[in-house]
Amino acid sequence: MGGLRRICARHHRHAGRGPRVRCRAPAPHAGFRAVLRRARAGAARHPAAHLPRPQGRRCSSGPSGDRPLPAGRRDRGACRRARPDPGRCGGASDGAAVPRCCEGILRMSGAVPHIAIVVGSARAARFADYPLAWLRERVGARDDLRLSVIDVRDVGLPSYNLPKPPALAPREYSSRQQRALGQRLDEVDGFLFLVNEYNHGYGAALKNMLDHYFAEFEHKPAAFFGYGNVGGSRAIEQLRQVVAELNMVSVRESVHIFGMQFPAVREGGPAAAEVFDALEPRLTVMTDHLLWWARALNAARSA
């Protein structure tokens, strides 16, 4: 009815003769015919305005004759065309300017991220030493990262008893051991947690270490290698919530050794090699994603 009211109002304004009378809205079918006549008349005067709009953006100016952008508007399509492949994050070709969105990652393209394996078990007779040796060999052989190991059994931290939470008192260390480990954590770009599962959860020594720090873990990625009756899955799921509270990014993929595979791993030789060979493709994917996040977040922290 809005169109009919406008027609009626226009009739009032242009009525030149006779007394001014109240205009009643015409019958629906009559109003529809009036609107249709006006639309056809407009189409005849401006045929291009009623043609289908071509697909794609017409936002670049130049010899092609496309409509130029209004003042202050940015050619977002041009930014996409100039943007390097996020997987390789290489520079723009032919000397083109690199978009601001990729400058930080490009600054990190020549750097080698520092990845730390965090061993979560503090037991003397632990299973963790078997996958740890394999991880040091496989991950350490890559030339696109620098590897170190942080063992909760050796950090020497007391039970958590800080006067203030580390999130509210960043890097306010209360002991020499806490300061030494905090400085090591600051140098790390990404963490690979080697997670044991005891009673449906991860070890207390690992939780104690995590509780002593916040800023040293913040804005860094975390990946998980679990072992246990169900491959450490329940411990990893709990640990994902903890690292999220530390403002870390959790890599989707994880690697698992199940309880039924423990005897073969302990036996060594071909039996252990068969277990670890099956894990290698998933380890590669997980490490690739860990490195991607390490480079991206390092660039963001440095921006």
C-alpha atoms as a PDB file:
ATOM      1  CA  MET A   1       0.000   0.000   0.000  1.00  0.00           C
ATOM      2  CA  GLY A   2       3.000   2.329   0.342  1.00  0.00           C
ATOM      3  CA  GLY A   3       3.194   2.807  -3.426  1.00  0.00           C
ATOM      4  CA  LEU A   4      -0.507   3.541  -3.628  1.00  0.00           C
ATOM      5  CA  ARG A   5      -0.278   6.172  -0.888  1.00  0.00           C
ATOM      6  CA  ARG A   6       2.546   7.908  -2.754  1.00  0.00           C
ATOM      7  CA  ILE A   7       0.461   8.002  -5.926  1.00  0.00           C
ATOM      8  CA  CYS A   8      -2.431   9.392  -3.950  1.00  0.00           C
ATOM      9  CA  ALA A   9      -0.266  12.099  -2.363  1.00  0.00           C
ATOM     10  CA  ARG A  10       1.117  13.069  -5.775  1.00  0.00           C
ATOM     11  CA  HIS A  11      -2.441  13.444  -7.047  1.00  0.00           C
ATOM     12  CA  HIS A  12      -3.146  15.943  -4.230  1.00  0.00           C
ATOM     13  CA  ARG A  13      -0.077  18.038  -5.065  1.00  0.00           C
ATOM     14  CA  HIS A  14      -0.757  18.314  -8.797  1.00  0.00           C
ATOM     15  CA  ALA A  15      -4.514  18.680  -8.740  1.00  0.00           C
ATOM     16  CA  GLY A  16      -5.152  22.027 -10.492  1.00  0.00           C
ATOM     17  CA  ARG A  17      -8.885  22.152 -10.703  1.00  0.00           C
ATOM     18  CA  GLY A  18     -11.892  21.640  -8.579  1.00  0.00           C
ATOM     19  CA  PRO A  19     -12.274  21.494  -4.871  1.00  0.00           C
ATOM     20  CA  ARG A  20      -9.711  19.613  -2.868  1.00  0.00           C
ATOM     21  CA  VAL A  21     -11.237  16.319  -1.947  1.00  0.00           C
ATOM     22  CA  ARG A  22      -9.871  13.412  -0.014  1.00  0.00           C
ATOM     23  CA  CYS A  23      -8.400  10.808  -2.307  1.00  0.00           C
ATOM     24  CA  ARG A  24      -9.274   7.266  -1.578  1.00  0.00           C
ATOM     25  CA  ALA A  25      -6.824   4.528  -2.453  1.00  0.00           C
ATOM     26  CA  PRO A  26      -7.822   2.809  -5.673  1.00  0.00           C
ATOM     27  CA  ALA A  27      -8.676  -0.806  -5.773  1.00  0.00           C
ATOM     28  CA  PRO A  28      -5.673  -3.115  -5.550  1.00  0.00           C
ATOM     29  CA  HIS A  29      -5.872  -4.180  -9.141  1.00  0.00           C
ATOM     30  CA  ALA A  30      -6.034  -0.567 -10.356  1.00  0.00           C
ATOM     31  CA  GLY A  31      -3.047   0.459  -8.199  1.00  0.00           C
ATOM     32  CA  PHE A  32      -1.021  -2.444  -9.485  1.00  0.00           C
ATOM     33  CA  ARG A  33      -1.684  -1.405 -13.075  1.00  0.00           C
ATOM     34  CA  ALA A  34      -0.621   2.158 -12.286  1.00  0.00           C
ATOM     35  CA  VAL A  35       2.654   1.073 -10.702  1.00  0.00           C
ATOM     36  CA  LEU A  36       3.330  -1.298 -13.585  1.00  0.00           C
ATOM     37  CA  ARG A  37       2.826   1.514 -16.121  1.00  0.00           C
ATOM     38  CA  ARG A  38       5.283   3.734 -14.247  1.00  0.00           C
ATOM     39  CA  ALA A  39       7.876   0.947 -14.102  1.00  0.00           C
ATOM     40  CA  ARG A  40       7.599   0.320 -17.839  1.00  0.00           C
ATOM     41  CA  ALA A  41       7.947   4.013 -18.562  1.00  0.00           C
ATOM     42  CA  GLY A  42      11.087   4.218 -16.428  1.00  0.00           C
ATOM     43  CA  ALA A  43      12.590   1.173 -18.125  1.00  0.00           C
ATOM     44  CA  ALA A  44      12.029   2.767 -21.517  1.00  0.00           C
ATOM     45  CA  ARG A  45      13.827   5.962 -20.451  1.00  0.00           C
ATOM     46  CA  HIS A  46      16.767   4.173 -18.717  1.00  0.00           C
ATOM     47  CA  PRO A  47      17.182   0.707 -20.231  1.00  0.00           C
ATOM     48  CA  ALA A  48      20.689   0.112 -18.787  1.00  0.00           C
ATOM     49  CA  ALA A  49      19.483   0.535 -15.223  1.00  0.00           C
ATOM     50  CA  HIS A  50      17.206  -2.490 -15.583  1.00  0.00           C
ATOM     51  CA  LEU A  51      19.779  -4.857 -17.058  1.00  0.00           C
ATOM     52  CA  PRO A  52      21.205  -7.631 -14.826  1.00  0.00           C
ATOM     53  CA  ARG A  53      24.291  -6.471 -12.957  1.00  0.00           C
ATOM     54  CA  PRO A  54      27.433  -8.260 -14.217  1.00  0.00           C
ATOM     55  CA  GLN A  55      29.068 -10.764 -11.905  1.00  0.00           C
ATOM     56  CA  GLY A  56      32.212  -9.780  -9.991  1.00  0.00           C
ATOM     57  CA  ARG A  57      33.455  -6.463  -8.682  1.00  0.00           C
ATOM     58  CA  ARG A  58      33.826  -3.341 -10.802  1.00  0.00           C
ATOM     59  CA  CYS A  59      36.091  -1.504  -8.424  1.00  0.00           C
ATOM     60  CA  SER A  60      39.322  -0.872 -10.315  1.00  0.00           C
ATOM     61  CA  SER A  61      40.105   2.106 -12.471  1.00  0.00           C
ATOM     62  CA  GLY A  62      42.323   2.181 -15.497  1.00  0.00           C
ATOM     63  CA  PRO A  63      42.332   1.495 -19.224  1.00  0.00           C
ATOM     64  CA  SER A  64      39.648  -1.167 -18.859  1.00  0.00           C
ATOM     65  CA  GLY A  65      37.060   1.595 -18.404  1.00  0.00           C
ATOM     66  CA  ASP A  66      35.619   0.284 -15.145  1.00  0.00           C
ATOM     67  CA  ARG A  67      33.980   2.669 -12.732  1.00  0.00           C
ATOM     68  CA  PRO A  68      36.598   4.217 -10.353  1.00  0.00           C
ATOM     69  CA  LEU A  69      36.280   3.767  -6.617  1.00  0.00           C
ATOM     70  CA  PRO A  70      34.816   6.610  -4.546  1.00  0.00           C
ATOM     71  CA  ALA A  71      37.234   8.630  -2.445  1.00  0.00           C
ATOM     72  CA  GLY A  72      38.387   6.800   0.651  1.00  0.00           C
ATOM     73  CA  ARG A  73      37.320   3.367  -0.579  1.00  0.00           C
ATOM     74  CA  ARG A  74      39.854   0.517  -0.911  1.00  0.00           C
ATOM     75  CA  ASP A  75      40.026  -1.975  -3.756  1.00  0.00           C
ATOM     76  CA  ARG A  76      39.614  -5.127  -1.687  1.00  0.00           C
ATOM     77  CA  GLY A  77      39.771  -7.296  -4.763  1.00  0.00           C
ATOM     78  CA  ALA A  78      43.171  -5.870  -5.658  1.00  0.00           C
ATOM     79  CA  CYS A  79      44.405  -6.732  -2.164  1.00  0.00           C
ATOM     80  CA  ARG A  80      43.328 -10.315  -2.673  1.00  0.00           C
ATOM     81  CA  ARG A  81      45.040 -10.470  -6.041  1.00  0.00           C
ATOM     82  CA  ALA A  82      48.300  -9.136  -4.594  1.00  0.00           C
ATOM     83  CA  ARG A  83      48.147 -11.304  -1.484  1.00  0.00           C
ATOM     84  CA  PRO A  84      50.678 -14.163  -1.458  1.00  0.00           C
ATOM     85  CA  ASP A  85      49.707 -17.747  -0.922  1.00  0.00           C
ATOM     86  CA  PRO A  86      49.121 -18.169   2.850  1.00  0.00           C
ATOM     87  CA  GLY A  87      50.666 -21.625   2.791  1.00  0.00           C
ATOM     88  CA  ARG A  88      53.957 -20.416   1.349  1.00  0.00           C
ATOM     89  CA  CYS A  89      53.535 -16.758   2.277  1.00  0.00           C
ATOM     90  CA  GLY A  90      55.983 -15.659  -0.399  1.00  0.00           C
ATOM     91  CA  GLY A  91      56.488 -12.107  -1.512  1.00  0.00           C
ATOM     92  CA  ALA A  92      54.464 -10.419  -4.227  1.00  0.00           C
ATOM     93  CA  SER A  93      55.883 -10.827  -7.718  1.00  0.00           C
ATOM     94  CA  ASP A  94      57.069  -8.114 -10.095  1.00  0.00           C
ATOM     95  CA  GLY A  95      57.928  -5.781  -7.246  1.00  0.00           C
ATOM     96  CA  ALA A  96      54.284  -5.303  -6.235  1.00  0.00           C
ATOM     97  CA  ALA A  97      53.625  -3.945  -2.772  1.00  0.00           C
ATOM     98  CA  VAL A  98      52.868  -6.571  -0.158  1.00  0.00           C
ATOM     99  CA  PRO A  99      49.470  -6.073   1.538  1.00  0.00           C
ATOM    100  CA  ARG A 100      49.593  -5.048   5.185  1.00  0.00           C
ATOM    101  CA  CYS A 101      47.768  -8.240   6.146  1.00  0.00           C
ATOM    102  CA  CYS A 102      50.820 -10.349   5.236  1.00  0.00           C
ATOM    103  CA  GLU A 103      53.712  -8.084   6.205  1.00  0.00           C
ATOM    104  CA  GLY A 104      54.143  -9.653   9.643  1.00  0.00           C
ATOM    105  CA  ILE A 105      54.196 -13.227   8.378  1.00  0.00           C
ATOM    106  CA  LEU A 106      56.623 -12.266   5.632  1.00  0.00           C
ATOM    107  CA  ARG A 107      58.948 -10.806   8.249  1.00  0.00           C
ATOM    108  CA  MET A 108      59.025 -14.255   9.826  1.00  0.00           C
ATOM    109  CA  SER A 109      59.453 -16.190   6.570  1.00  0.00           C
ATOM    110  CA  GLY A 110      63.229 -16.370   6.977  1.00  0.00           C
ATOM    111  CA  ALA A 111      63.206 -17.188  10.696  1.00  0.00           C
ATOM    112  CA  VAL A 112      63.306 -20.695  12.159  1.00  0.00           C
ATOM    113  CA  PRO A 113      60.689 -21.191  14.898  1.00  0.00           C
ATOM    114  CA  HIS A 114      61.818 -22.590  18.223  1.00  0.00           C
ATOM    115  CA  ILE A 115      59.672 -25.597  19.192  1.00  0.00           C
ATOM    116  CA  ALA A 116      59.893 -27.155  22.657  1.00  0.00           C
ATOM    117  CA  ILE A 117      58.778 -30.676  23.541  1.00  0.00           C
ATOM    118  CA  VAL A 118      57.280 -30.527  27.039  1.00  0.00           C
ATOM    119  CA  VAL A 119      57.476 -33.925  28.751  1.00  0.00           C
ATOM    120  CA  GLY A 120      54.513 -34.119  31.115  1.00  0.00           C
ATOM    121  CA  SER A 121      55.439 -37.175  33.204  1.00  0.00           C
ATOM    122  CA  ALA A 122      57.715 -36.913  36.239  1.00  0.00           C
ATOM    123  CA  ARG A 123      57.931 -40.627  37.065  1.00  0.00           C
ATOM    124  CA  ALA A 124      61.323 -42.324  37.161  1.00  0.00           C
ATOM    125  CA  ALA A 125      60.123 -45.416  35.265  1.00  0.00           C
ATOM    126  CA  ARG A 126      57.986 -43.666  32.677  1.00  0.00           C
ATOM    127  CA  PHE A 127      56.836 -44.679  29.215  1.00  0.00           C
ATOM    128  CA  ALA A 128      57.390 -41.144  27.905  1.00  0.00           C
ATOM    129  CA  ASP A 129      61.068 -41.784  27.172  1.00  0.00           C
ATOM    130  CA  TYR A 130      60.183 -44.091  24.250  1.00  0.00           C
ATOM    131  CA  PRO A 131      58.115 -41.592  22.233  1.00  0.00           C
ATOM    132  CA  LEU A 132      60.436 -38.782  23.345  1.00  0.00           C
ATOM    133  CA  ALA A 133      63.423 -40.447  21.671  1.00  0.00           C
ATOM    134  CA  TRP A 134      61.405 -40.921  18.481  1.00  0.00           C
ATOM    135  CA  LEU A 135      60.131 -37.328  18.501  1.00  0.00           C
ATOM    136  CA  ARG A 136      63.624 -35.930  18.986  1.00  0.00           C
ATOM    137  CA  GLU A 137      64.803 -37.942  16.007  1.00  0.00           C
ATOM    138  CA  ARG A 138      61.906 -37.199  13.645  1.00  0.00           C
ATOM    139  CA  VAL A 139      60.994 -33.631  14.564  1.00  0.00           C
ATOM    140  CA  GLY A 140      64.603 -32.678  15.237  1.00  0.00           C
ATOM    141  CA  ALA A 141      65.579 -33.787  11.725  1.00  0.00           C
ATOM    142  CA  ARG A 142      63.480 -31.043  10.148  1.00  0.00           C
ATOM    143  CA  ASP A 143      65.364 -28.003   8.893  1.00  0.00           C
ATOM    144  CA  ASP A 144      62.431 -25.604   9.343  1.00  0.00           C
ATOM    145  CA  LEU A 145      62.513 -25.529  13.151  1.00  0.00           C
ATOM    146  CA  ARG A 146      64.810 -25.517  16.167  1.00  0.00           C
ATOM    147  CA  LEU A 147      64.000 -28.160  18.785  1.00  0.00           C
ATOM    148  CA  SER A 148      64.516 -28.284  22.536  1.00  0.00           C
ATOM    149  CA  VAL A 149      63.098 -30.356  25.416  1.00  0.00           C
ATOM    150  CA  ILE A 150      61.558 -29.125  28.673  1.00  0.00           C
ATOM    151  CA  ASP A 151      61.143 -31.973  31.163  1.00  0.00           C
ATOM    152  CA  VAL A 152      58.842 -31.366  34.131  1.00  0.00           C
ATOM    153  CA  ARG A 153      60.941 -33.873  36.065  1.00  0.00           C
ATOM    154  CA  ASP A 154      63.937 -31.545  35.912  1.00  0.00           C
ATOM    155  CA  VAL A 155      62.461 -28.053  36.311  1.00  0.00           C
ATOM    156  CA  GLY A 156      62.643 -28.088  40.121  1.00  0.00           C
ATOM    157  CA  LEU A 157      59.516 -26.016  40.742  1.00  0.00           C
ATOM    158  CA  PRO A 158      57.865 -26.241  44.175  1.00  0.00           C
ATOM    159  CA  SER A 159      54.144 -26.822  44.551  1.00  0.00           C
ATOM    160  CA  TYR A 160      52.189 -23.814  43.382  1.00  0.00           C
ATOM    161  CA  ASN A 161      51.994 -21.235  46.162  1.00  0.00           C
ATOM    162  CA  LEU A 162      52.442 -17.850  44.477  1.00  0.00           C
ATOM    163  CA  PRO A 163      51.140 -14.718  46.229  1.00  0.00           C
ATOM    164  CA  LYS A 164      49.404 -13.516  43.035  1.00  0.00           C
ATOM    165  CA  PRO A 165      48.234 -15.369  39.914  1.00  0.00           C
ATOM    166  CA  PRO A 166      50.755 -15.085  37.049  1.00  0.00           C
ATOM    167  CA  ALA A 167      48.035 -13.637  34.819  1.00  0.00           C
ATOM    168  CA  LEU A 168      47.834 -10.639  37.167  1.00  0.00           C
ATOM    169  CA  ALA A 169      51.565 -10.471  37.916  1.00  0.00           C
ATOM    170  CA  PRO A 170      53.382 -11.338  34.676  1.00  0.00           C
ATOM    171  CA  ARG A 171      57.003 -12.375  35.107  1.00  0.00           C
ATOM    172  CA  GLU A 172      57.078 -11.570  38.813  1.00  0.00           C
ATOM    173  CA  TYR A 173      59.096 -14.640  39.743  1.00  0.00           C
ATOM    174  CA  SER A 174      59.297 -15.839  43.320  1.00  0.00           C
ATOM    175  CA  SER A 175      62.251 -18.225  42.965  1.00  0.00           C
ATOM    176  CA  ARG A 176      65.389 -18.739  40.960  1.00  0.00           C
ATOM    177  CA  GLN A 177      63.952 -21.921  39.425  1.00  0.00           C
ATOM    178  CA  GLN A 178      60.810 -20.158  38.286  1.00  0.00           C
ATOM    179  CA  ARG A 179      62.822 -17.350  36.695  1.00  0.00           C
ATOM    180  CA  ALA A 180      65.175 -19.736  34.879  1.00  0.00           C
ATOM    181  CA  LEU A 181      62.320 -21.749  33.402  1.00  0.00           C
ATOM    182  CA  GLY A 182      60.356 -18.601  32.566  1.00  0.00           C
ATOM    183  CA  GLN A 183      63.252 -17.290  30.510  1.00  0.00           C
ATOM    184  CA  ARG A 184      63.406 -20.584  28.623  1.00  0.00           C
ATOM    185  CA  LEU A 185      59.670 -20.483  27.937  1.00  0.00           C
ATOM    186  CA  ASP A 186      59.924 -16.914  26.640  1.00  0.00           C
ATOM    187  CA  GLU A 187      62.329 -18.078  23.936  1.00  0.00           C
ATOM    188  CA  VAL A 188      59.935 -20.752  22.634  1.00  0.00           C
ATOM    189  CA  ASP A 189      57.605 -20.084  19.676  1.00  0.00           C
ATOM    190  CA  GLY A 190      55.474 -23.239  19.959  1.00  0.00           C
ATOM    191  CA  PHE A 191      54.983 -26.192  22.301  1.00  0.00           C
ATOM    192  CA  LEU A 192      54.560 -29.915  21.659  1.00  0.00           C
ATOM    193  CA  PHE A 193      53.196 -31.485  24.835  1.00  0.00           C
ATOM    194  CA  LEU A 194      54.047 -35.159  25.405  1.00  0.00           C
ATOM    195  CA  VAL A 195      51.053 -36.079  27.554  1.00  0.00           C
ATOM    196  CA  ASN A 196      50.633 -39.081  29.838  1.00  0.00           C
ATOM    197  CA  GLU A 197      47.170 -40.137  31.018  1.00  0.00           C
ATOM    198  CA  TYR A 198      46.653 -41.264  34.620  1.00  0.00           C
ATOM    199  CA  ASN A 199      43.107 -41.820  35.897  1.00  0.00           C
ATOM    200  CA  HIS A 200      41.497 -40.029  32.932  1.00  0.00           C
ATOM    201  CA  GLY A 201      43.746 -36.971  33.284  1.00  0.00           C
ATOM    202  CA  TYR A 202      47.221 -35.568  32.697  1.00  0.00           C
ATOM    203  CA  GLY A 203      49.965 -35.522  35.315  1.00  0.00           C
ATOM    204  CA  ALA A 204      50.048 -33.179  38.308  1.00  0.00           C
ATOM    205  CA  ALA A 205      53.639 -32.107  37.601  1.00  0.00           C
ATOM    206  CA  LEU A 206      52.616 -30.667  34.238  1.00  0.00           C
ATOM    207  CA  LYS A 207      49.684 -28.782  35.768  1.00  0.00           C
ATOM    208  CA  ASN A 208      51.974 -27.385  38.451  1.00  0.00           C
ATOM    209  CA  MET A 209      54.366 -26.077  35.813  1.00  0.00           C
ATOM    210  CA  LEU A 210      51.590 -24.499  33.739  1.00  0.00           C
ATOM    211  CA  ASP A 211      50.103 -22.786  36.796  1.00  0.00           C
ATOM    212  CA  HIS A 212      53.387 -20.970  37.500  1.00  0.00           C
ATOM    213  CA  TYR A 213      53.259 -19.004  34.222  1.00  0.00           C
ATOM    214  CA  PHE A 214      50.933 -17.104  31.923  1.00  0.00           C
ATOM    215  CA  ALA A 215      52.618 -14.478  29.741  1.00  0.00           C
ATOM    216  CA  GLU A 216      55.321 -16.969  28.756  1.00  0.00           C
ATOM    217  CA  PHE A 217      52.662 -19.196  27.122  1.00  0.00           C
ATOM    218  CA  GLU A 218      50.239 -16.538  25.897  1.00  0.00           C
ATOM    219  CA  HIS A 219      49.647 -16.138  22.143  1.00  0.00           C
ATOM    220  CA  LYS A 220      51.636 -19.269  21.285  1.00  0.00           C
ATOM    221  CA  PRO A 221      50.489 -22.554  19.691  1.00  0.00           C
ATOM    222  CA  ALA A 222      50.278 -25.956  21.371  1.00  0.00           C
ATOM    223  CA  ALA A 223      50.237 -29.460  19.868  1.00  0.00           C
ATOM    224  CA  PHE A 224      49.768 -32.757  21.692  1.00  0.00           C
ATOM    225  CA  PHE A 225      51.251 -36.268  21.599  1.00  0.00           C
ATOM    226  CA  GLY A 226      49.360 -38.518  24.002  1.00  0.00           C
ATOM    227  CA  TYR A 227      49.767 -42.043  25.301  1.00  0.00           C
ATOM    228  CA  GLY A 228      47.562 -44.195  27.523  1.00  0.00           C
ATOM    229  CA  ASN A 229      44.726 -46.715  27.429  1.00  0.00           C
ATOM    230  CA  VAL A 230      42.843 -44.634  24.863  1.00  0.00           C
ATOM    231  CA  GLY A 231      45.905 -42.892  23.477  1.00  0.00           C
ATOM    232  CA  GLY A 232      45.879 -40.155  26.092  1.00  0.00           C
ATOM    233  CA  SER A 233      42.776 -38.652  24.466  1.00  0.00           C
ATOM    234  CA  ARG A 234      41.023 -37.777  27.718  1.00  0.00           C
ATOM    235  CA  ALA A 235      44.128 -36.116  29.123  1.00  0.00           C
ATOM    236  CA  ILE A 236      44.597 -34.133  25.916  1.00  0.00           C
ATOM    237  CA  GLU A 237      40.999 -32.914  25.924  1.00  0.00           C
ATOM    238  CA  GLN A 238      41.435 -31.637  29.473  1.00  0.00           C
ATOM    239  CA  LEU A 239      44.737 -30.024  28.570  1.00  0.00           C
ATOM    240  CA  ARG A 240      43.183 -28.217  25.616  1.00  0.00           C
ATOM    241  CA  GLN A 241      40.926 -26.362  28.048  1.00  0.00           C
ATOM    242  CA  VAL A 242      43.905 -25.412  30.212  1.00  0.00           C
ATOM    243  CA  VAL A 243      45.971 -24.001  27.336  1.00  0.00           C
ATOM    244  CA  ALA A 244      42.901 -22.107  26.106  1.00  0.00           C
ATOM    245  CA  GLU A 245      42.777 -20.385  29.502  1.00  0.00           C
ATOM    246  CA  LEU A 246      46.452 -19.499  28.984  1.00  0.00           C
ATOM    247  CA  ASN A 247      45.359 -17.768  25.761  1.00  0.00           C
ATOM    248  CA  MET A 248      47.157 -20.288  23.568  1.00  0.00           C
ATOM    249  CA  VAL A 249      46.107 -21.726  20.198  1.00  0.00           C
ATOM    250  CA  SER A 250      45.485 -25.469  20.181  1.00  0.00           C
ATOM    251  CA  VAL A 251      46.385 -27.360  17.002  1.00  0.00           C
ATOM    252  CA  ARG A 252      43.550 -29.604  15.839  1.00  0.00           C
ATOM    253  CA  GLU A 253      45.608 -32.716  15.054  1.00  0.00           C
ATOM    254  CA  SER A 254      47.130 -34.884  17.766  1.00  0.00           C
ATOM    255  CA  VAL A 255      49.166 -38.113  17.806  1.00  0.00           C
ATOM    256  CA  HIS A 256      48.371 -41.116  20.026  1.00  0.00           C
ATOM    257  CA  ILE A 257      49.940 -44.342  21.282  1.00  0.00           C
ATOM    258  CA  PHE A 258      47.355 -46.713  22.744  1.00  0.00           C
ATOM    259  CA  GLY A 259      47.826 -48.981  25.734  1.00  0.00           C
ATOM    260  CA  MET A 260      47.717 -52.136  23.636  1.00  0.00           C
ATOM    261  CA  GLN A 261      50.744 -50.815  21.699  1.00  0.00           C
ATOM    262  CA  PHE A 262      52.906 -50.347  24.798  1.00  0.00           C
ATOM    263  CA  PRO A 263      54.437 -53.887  24.729  1.00  0.00           C
ATOM    264  CA  ALA A 264      55.537 -53.480  21.106  1.00  0.00           C
ATOM    265  CA  VAL A 265      57.103 -50.094  21.807  1.00  0.00           C
ATOM    266  CA  ARG A 266      58.936 -51.397  24.878  1.00  0.00           C
ATOM    267  CA  GLU A 267      60.176 -54.414  22.932  1.00  0.00           C
ATOM    268  CA  GLY A 268      61.872 -52.187  20.396  1.00  0.00           C
ATOM    269  CA  GLY A 269      63.148 -53.364  17.042  1.00  0.00           C
ATOM    270  CA  PRO A 270      60.718 -54.047  14.178  1.00  0.00           C
ATOM    271  CA  ALA A 271      57.690 -54.142  16.485  1.00  0.00           C
ATOM    272  CA  ALA A 272      58.321 -50.613  17.759  1.00  0.00           C
ATOM    273  CA  ALA A 273      59.232 -49.384  14.285  1.00  0.00           C
ATOM    274  CA  GLU A 274      55.870 -50.587  12.986  1.00  0.00           C
ATOM    275  CA  VAL A 275      54.033 -48.569  15.635  1.00  0.00           C
ATOM    276  CA  PHE A 276      56.007 -45.386  15.051  1.00  0.00           C
ATOM    277  CA  ASP A 277      55.944 -45.659  11.249  1.00  0.00           C
ATOM    278  CA  ALA A 278      52.150 -45.615  11.366  1.00  0.00           C
ATOM    279  CA  LEU A 279      52.257 -42.395  13.408  1.00  0.00           C
ATOM    280  CA  GLU A 280      54.637 -40.511  11.140  1.00  0.00           C
ATOM    281  CA  PRO A 281      52.119 -39.108   8.588  1.00  0.00           C
ATOM    282  CA  ARG A 282      49.968 -37.637  11.339  1.00  0.00           C
ATOM    283  CA  LEU A 283      53.028 -36.288  13.147  1.00  0.00           C
ATOM    284  CA  THR A 284      54.068 -34.500   9.960  1.00  0.00           C
ATOM    285  CA  VAL A 285      50.674 -32.848   9.526  1.00  0.00           C
ATOM    286  CA  MET A 286      50.511 -31.834  13.185  1.00  0.00           C
ATOM    287  CA  THR A 287      54.018 -30.356  13.106  1.00  0.00           C
ATOM    288  CA  ASP A 288      53.299 -28.475   9.888  1.00  0.00           C
ATOM    289  CA  HIS A 289      50.276 -26.823  11.469  1.00  0.00           C
ATOM    290  CA  LEU A 290      52.201 -26.112  14.655  1.00  0.00           C
ATOM    291  CA  LEU A 291      54.883 -24.323  12.630  1.00  0.00           C
ATOM    292  CA  TRP A 292      52.292 -22.355  10.655  1.00  0.00           C
ATOM    293  CA  TRP A 293      50.750 -21.051  13.862  1.00  0.00           C
ATOM    294  CA  ALA A 294      54.181 -20.433  15.399  1.00  0.00           C
ATOM    295  CA  ARG A 295      55.186 -18.176  12.501  1.00  0.00           C
ATOM    296  CA  ALA A 296      51.847 -16.377  12.342  1.00  0.00           C
ATOM    297  CA  LEU A 297      51.612 -15.724  16.082  1.00  0.00           C
ATOM    298  CA  ASN A 298      55.264 -14.732  16.333  1.00  0.00           C
ATOM    299  CA  ALA A 299      54.658 -12.128  13.643  1.00  0.00           C
ATOM    300  CA  ALA A 300      51.543 -10.914  15.463  1.00  0.00           C
ATOM    301  CA  ARG A 301      53.414 -10.610  18.756  1.00  0.00           C
ATOM    302  CA  SER A 302      56.178  -8.661  17.025  1.00  0.00           C
ATOM    303  CA  ALA A 303      53.815  -6.283  15.203  1.00  0.00           C
END
